[in-house]
Amino acid sequence: MSQSVCVPLINDGDTQIICLPEAFRFKGDKVKLTKQGDKVFIEPEEFNVKAWLKDLRENADPDFMREGHPPQGEAEVRDQFD
């Protein structure tokens, strides 16, 4: 079920501001805006895996797991289900 409410539109120079009621708020500090005709859609920012991996590669500690991972040991023997 969708919800609709009217909120004030505040003009501040070249910027327009809307205050989202608590039920409409997003997590994070960015959203994605899409305009189709006279409608504007606000969506959570999509997680960018490529940018995340690039940042991880560029900022990773070069000494992290330099010697590799520790041995895991023997696997636990368990009963099998049929």
C-alpha atoms as a PDB file:
ATOM      1  CA  MET A   1       0.000   0.000   0.000  1.00  0.00           C
ATOM      2  CA  SER A   2       1.453   3.381  -0.957  1.00  0.00           C
ATOM      3  CA  GLN A   3       1.315   6.497   1.178  1.00  0.00           C
ATOM      4  CA  SER A   4       0.971  10.100   0.057  1.00  0.00           C
ATOM      5  CA  VAL A   5       1.399  13.325   2.022  1.00  0.00           C
ATOM      6  CA  CYS A   6       1.812  16.971   1.075  1.00  0.00           C
ATOM      7  CA  VAL A   7       4.812  18.803   2.538  1.00  0.00           C
ATOM      8  CA  PRO A   8       5.993  22.405   2.193  1.00  0.00           C
ATOM      9  CA  LEU A   9       8.397  23.247  -0.622  1.00  0.00           C
ATOM     10  CA  ILE A  10      11.060  25.715   0.568  1.00  0.00           C
ATOM     11  CA  ASN A  11      12.920  27.860  -1.979  1.00  0.00           C
ATOM     12  CA  ASP A  12      16.461  28.821  -0.968  1.00  0.00           C
ATOM     13  CA  GLY A  13      18.232  30.584  -3.826  1.00  0.00           C
ATOM     14  CA  ASP A  14      18.794  28.038  -6.614  1.00  0.00           C
ATOM     15  CA  THR A  15      17.797  25.147  -4.327  1.00  0.00           C
ATOM     16  CA  GLN A  16      14.437  23.709  -3.353  1.00  0.00           C
ATOM     17  CA  ILE A  17      14.118  21.850  -0.070  1.00  0.00           C
ATOM     18  CA  ILE A  18      11.473  19.428   1.142  1.00  0.00           C
ATOM     19  CA  CYS A  19      11.248  18.083   4.680  1.00  0.00           C
ATOM     20  CA  LEU A  20      10.515  14.364   4.668  1.00  0.00           C
ATOM     21  CA  PRO A  21       8.217  13.163   7.423  1.00  0.00           C
ATOM     22  CA  GLU A  22       9.747  10.455   9.616  1.00  0.00           C
ATOM     23  CA  ALA A  23       7.839   7.656   7.843  1.00  0.00           C
ATOM     24  CA  PHE A  24       9.499   8.664   4.537  1.00  0.00           C
ATOM     25  CA  ARG A  25      13.098   9.128   5.689  1.00  0.00           C
ATOM     26  CA  PHE A  26      16.076   7.290   4.195  1.00  0.00           C
ATOM     27  CA  LYS A  27      19.121   5.754   5.838  1.00  0.00           C
ATOM     28  CA  GLY A  28      22.479   7.118   4.754  1.00  0.00           C
ATOM     29  CA  ASP A  29      23.430  10.560   3.503  1.00  0.00           C
ATOM     30  CA  LYS A  30      22.605  10.353  -0.220  1.00  0.00           C
ATOM     31  CA  VAL A  31      19.584   9.488  -2.362  1.00  0.00           C
ATOM     32  CA  LYS A  32      19.068   8.963  -6.093  1.00  0.00           C
ATOM     33  CA  LEU A  33      16.742  11.407  -7.894  1.00  0.00           C
ATOM     34  CA  THR A  34      15.050  10.487 -11.167  1.00  0.00           C
ATOM     35  CA  LYS A  35      12.810  12.804 -13.175  1.00  0.00           C
ATOM     36  CA  GLN A  36      10.179  11.393 -15.542  1.00  0.00           C
ATOM     37  CA  GLY A  37       8.010  14.066 -17.103  1.00  0.00           C
ATOM     38  CA  ASP A  38       6.694  16.240 -14.287  1.00  0.00           C
ATOM     39  CA  LYS A  39       7.340  13.595 -11.601  1.00  0.00           C
ATOM     40  CA  VAL A  40      10.458  13.267  -9.435  1.00  0.00           C
ATOM     41  CA  PHE A  41      11.297   9.943  -7.774  1.00  0.00           C
ATOM     42  CA  ILE A  42      13.515   9.705  -4.691  1.00  0.00           C
ATOM     43  CA  GLU A  43      15.186   6.336  -4.057  1.00  0.00           C
ATOM     44  CA  PRO A  44      17.935   5.060  -1.764  1.00  0.00           C
ATOM     45  CA  GLU A  45      21.382   5.366  -3.333  1.00  0.00           C
ATOM     46  CA  GLU A  46      22.347   2.093  -5.014  1.00  0.00           C
ATOM     47  CA  PHE A  47      25.397   0.373  -3.579  1.00  0.00           C
ATOM     48  CA  ASN A  48      28.255   0.723  -6.078  1.00  0.00           C
ATOM     49  CA  VAL A  49      30.246  -2.514  -5.825  1.00  0.00           C
ATOM     50  CA  LYS A  50      32.916  -1.395  -8.318  1.00  0.00           C
ATOM     51  CA  ALA A  51      33.612   1.831  -6.401  1.00  0.00           C
ATOM     52  CA  TRP A  52      33.690  -0.098  -3.105  1.00  0.00           C
ATOM     53  CA  LEU A  53      36.196  -2.645  -4.471  1.00  0.00           C
ATOM     54  CA  LYS A  54      38.356   0.127  -5.970  1.00  0.00           C
ATOM     55  CA  ASP A  55      38.403   1.945  -2.617  1.00  0.00           C
ATOM     56  CA  LEU A  56      39.207  -1.312  -0.825  1.00  0.00           C
ATOM     57  CA  ARG A  57      42.149  -2.038  -3.150  1.00  0.00           C
ATOM     58  CA  GLU A  58      43.518   1.507  -2.879  1.00  0.00           C
ATOM     59  CA  ASN A  59      43.242   1.742   0.916  1.00  0.00           C
ATOM     60  CA  ALA A  60      43.836  -1.830   2.084  1.00  0.00           C
ATOM     61  CA  ASP A  61      46.617  -2.470   4.578  1.00  0.00           C
ATOM     62  CA  PRO A  62      49.415  -4.102   2.534  1.00  0.00           C
ATOM     63  CA  ASP A  63      50.406  -6.219   5.546  1.00  0.00           C
ATOM     64  CA  PHE A  64      46.913  -7.669   6.005  1.00  0.00           C
ATOM     65  CA  MET A  65      47.245 -11.470   6.092  1.00  0.00           C
ATOM     66  CA  ARG A  66      50.740 -11.287   4.565  1.00  0.00           C
ATOM     67  CA  GLU A  67      51.497 -14.754   5.949  1.00  0.00           C
ATOM     68  CA  GLY A  68      48.168 -16.129   4.747  1.00  0.00           C
ATOM     69  CA  HIS A  69      45.352 -17.467   6.869  1.00  0.00           C
ATOM     70  CA  PRO A  70      45.898 -19.822   9.811  1.00  0.00           C
ATOM     71  CA  PRO A  71      45.217 -23.543   9.272  1.00  0.00           C
ATOM     72  CA  GLN A  72      41.599 -24.503   9.725  1.00  0.00           C
ATOM     73  CA  GLY A  73      42.119 -27.924  11.221  1.00  0.00           C
ATOM     74  CA  GLU A  74      40.123 -31.039  10.500  1.00  0.00           C
ATOM     75  CA  ALA A  75      36.488 -30.876   9.465  1.00  0.00           C
ATOM     76  CA  GLU A  76      33.973 -32.018  12.055  1.00  0.00           C
ATOM     77  CA  VAL A  77      32.426 -35.414  11.270  1.00  0.00           C
ATOM     78  CA  ARG A  78      28.626 -35.184  11.208  1.00  0.00           C
ATOM     79  CA  ASP A  79      25.789 -37.603  10.612  1.00  0.00           C
ATOM     80  CA  GLN A  80      24.399 -37.455   7.112  1.00  0.00           C
ATOM     81  CA  PHE A  81      20.736 -37.090   6.341  1.00  0.00           C
ATOM     82  CA  ASP A  82      19.053 -39.294   3.736  1.00  0.00           C
END
